Protein backbone atom coordinates (compact mmCIF):
# COMPACT_ATOMS: atom_id res chain seq x y z
CA VAL A 1 20.90 -198.68 89.11
CA ILE A 2 20.63 -202.43 88.87
CA PHE A 3 23.07 -203.50 86.19
CA TYR A 4 23.21 -207.13 85.15
CA ASN A 5 25.69 -209.06 83.10
CA ALA A 6 25.01 -212.38 81.39
CA GLN A 7 26.31 -214.66 84.16
CA ASP A 8 22.87 -216.05 85.02
CA TYR A 9 22.44 -217.20 81.41
CA LEU A 10 26.01 -218.49 81.19
CA ASN A 11 25.70 -220.32 84.52
CA LEU A 12 22.43 -221.96 83.40
CA ARG A 13 20.36 -220.30 86.14
CA VAL A 14 16.66 -221.05 85.80
CA GLY A 15 14.89 -218.03 84.36
CA MET A 16 11.62 -218.07 86.21
CA ASN A 17 9.26 -220.00 88.45
CA PRO A 18 5.68 -219.64 87.15
CA ASP A 19 4.33 -220.41 90.63
CA ASN A 20 6.43 -217.83 92.50
CA ASP A 21 7.43 -214.55 90.83
CA SER A 22 9.84 -213.76 93.70
CA ASP A 23 11.64 -217.11 93.82
CA PRO A 24 15.24 -216.06 94.59
CA VAL A 25 16.63 -219.19 92.95
CA THR A 26 15.51 -217.90 89.54
CA PHE A 27 16.81 -214.96 87.52
CA SER A 28 13.51 -213.11 87.31
CA GLY A 29 12.49 -214.00 90.87
CA ALA A 30 15.75 -212.71 92.36
CA LEU A 31 15.44 -209.50 90.36
CA ASN A 32 11.80 -209.08 91.38
CA ALA A 33 12.49 -209.78 95.07
CA GLY A 34 15.51 -207.47 95.07
CA ILE A 35 13.62 -204.59 93.49
CA LYS A 36 10.77 -204.99 95.98
CA LEU A 37 13.20 -204.90 98.92
CA ILE A 38 14.82 -201.72 97.60
CA GLN A 39 11.39 -200.15 97.04
CA GLU A 40 10.30 -201.01 100.59
CA LYS A 41 13.48 -199.58 102.14
CA TYR A 42 13.72 -196.52 99.85
CA PRO A 43 10.20 -195.81 98.55
CA PHE A 44 11.03 -192.41 97.02
CA ILE A 45 14.04 -193.22 94.86
CA ARG A 46 14.04 -193.95 91.16
CA ILE A 47 15.30 -197.42 90.33
CA VAL A 48 16.74 -198.14 86.91
CA CYS A 49 17.48 -201.60 85.51
CA MET A 50 20.21 -201.70 82.87
CA SER A 51 20.36 -204.79 80.73
CA PHE A 52 23.42 -206.73 79.80
CA PRO A 53 24.75 -206.44 76.26
CA MET A 54 24.95 -209.31 73.78
CA CYS A 55 27.68 -211.87 74.38
CA TYR A 56 28.77 -215.25 73.19
CA ALA A 57 28.84 -218.50 75.14
CA TYR A 58 30.47 -221.88 74.79
CA ASP A 59 28.31 -224.94 74.22
CA SER A 60 28.94 -228.38 75.77
CA SER A 61 31.48 -229.21 73.05
CA GLY A 62 33.41 -225.97 73.63
CA GLN A 63 32.20 -224.33 70.44
CA LEU A 64 31.61 -220.58 70.48
CA VAL A 65 27.89 -219.82 70.07
CA SER A 66 25.85 -216.63 70.03
CA GLY A 67 23.72 -215.94 73.10
CA ASP A 68 21.16 -214.62 70.60
CA ARG A 69 20.64 -218.08 69.21
CA TYR A 70 21.79 -220.65 71.76
CA ASP A 71 19.51 -222.12 74.42
CA PHE A 72 21.18 -224.04 77.26
CA GLY A 73 17.74 -225.31 78.32
CA ASN A 74 16.47 -222.23 80.17
CA GLY A 75 16.12 -219.95 77.16
CA LYS A 76 18.39 -217.86 74.99
CA LEU A 77 20.07 -214.73 76.29
CA THR A 78 17.17 -212.77 74.81
CA THR A 79 14.82 -214.78 77.05
CA TYR A 80 16.66 -213.41 80.09
CA LEU A 81 16.43 -209.93 78.57
CA GLN A 82 12.67 -210.34 78.29
CA PHE A 83 12.47 -211.45 81.94
CA MET A 84 14.26 -208.23 82.93
CA ILE A 85 11.92 -206.13 80.79
CA ASP A 86 8.87 -207.87 82.27
CA VAL A 87 10.05 -207.51 85.89
CA SER A 88 10.95 -203.86 85.33
CA GLY A 89 7.49 -203.16 83.95
CA ALA A 90 5.70 -205.11 86.68
CA THR A 91 7.58 -203.31 89.46
CA GLY A 92 7.40 -199.84 87.90
CA VAL A 93 11.13 -199.31 87.50
CA SER A 94 12.84 -197.69 84.52
CA PHE A 95 14.60 -199.92 82.02
CA VAL A 96 17.66 -199.08 79.90
CA ASP A 97 18.41 -201.51 77.10
CA ASN A 98 22.07 -202.24 76.40
CA TYR A 99 21.32 -205.41 74.47
CA TYR A 100 20.07 -203.95 71.21
CA GLY A 101 22.30 -201.33 69.69
CA THR A 102 25.47 -201.93 71.73
CA ILE A 103 27.24 -205.19 70.87
CA HIS A 104 26.46 -207.36 67.87
CA GLU A 105 28.38 -209.94 65.92
CA ASP A 106 29.90 -207.36 63.57
CA ASN A 107 31.46 -205.23 66.33
CA SER A 108 31.93 -207.75 69.15
CA SER A 109 35.70 -207.89 68.76
CA THR A 110 35.79 -204.15 69.55
CA TRP A 111 33.69 -204.43 72.74
CA LEU A 112 34.38 -207.90 74.18
CA LEU A 113 37.59 -209.07 75.85
CA ASP A 114 37.05 -212.80 75.44
CA ASN A 115 33.81 -213.12 73.48
CA VAL A 116 31.91 -212.96 76.79
CA HIS A 117 33.09 -210.11 79.05
CA VAL A 118 32.95 -206.46 78.07
CA ASN A 119 36.05 -204.28 77.99
CA ALA A 120 36.60 -200.85 79.56
CA ASP A 121 35.52 -199.02 76.39
CA CYS A 122 32.22 -200.90 76.37
CA ASN A 123 31.65 -200.09 80.05
CA ALA A 124 32.27 -196.41 79.29
CA TYR A 125 29.90 -196.56 76.32
CA MET A 126 27.14 -198.16 78.44
CA ALA A 127 27.66 -195.58 81.21
CA ASP A 128 27.30 -192.80 78.63
CA HIS A 129 24.23 -194.53 77.22
CA PHE A 130 22.69 -194.56 80.72
CA VAL A 131 23.31 -190.83 81.13
CA ARG A 132 21.85 -190.01 77.69
CA VAL A 133 18.71 -192.06 78.36
CA ILE A 134 18.05 -190.87 81.92
CA TYR A 135 19.21 -187.27 81.39
CA PRO A 136 18.40 -186.50 77.74
CA ASP A 137 19.47 -182.84 78.04
CA TYR A 138 22.94 -183.78 79.36
CA GLY A 139 25.65 -182.20 77.26
CA ASN A 140 23.30 -179.88 75.37
C-alpha cells in the first residue's frame, strides 16, 4: 500500500513535469517512478495507492484555507488527488479514495488534530475503509 498525506501540496511541491512523467522532483513523477521500481522488484504483488483525505492549509497571511479551494501555485489539493488517480491508472495499480467521503468541512473537527493532520480515529477509519474496498466480503 502506498499511502500519501497532503505534505507535497502543503510544501508546495511541483505536481508534474509534462516532459518527464517519472521526474522524482515532482509529486506525480516520484509516485510514478516509485511504483515502477516496486513493480520491477516485485512483479507479482498487488499495489494499492490510498489517497490522502481533505485537509486545510494556511495561506501566506496565515489564514486557514480549504485545500479544496486554495491553489498555492501548483494546483489545489484536488489537483494532487487527480495526479494520483492518473498515475495509478497509467501504472495499473489499484486506487482507494480517502478524499471524497472521509473528511469534509462539516466533520473536520472530528477527524483532524490541527486542521491539517488526521487523528487516530481517522487513521482507523481509513484503515477500515481500505479493508472494505479491497476485501468486500470481510466481516460478512
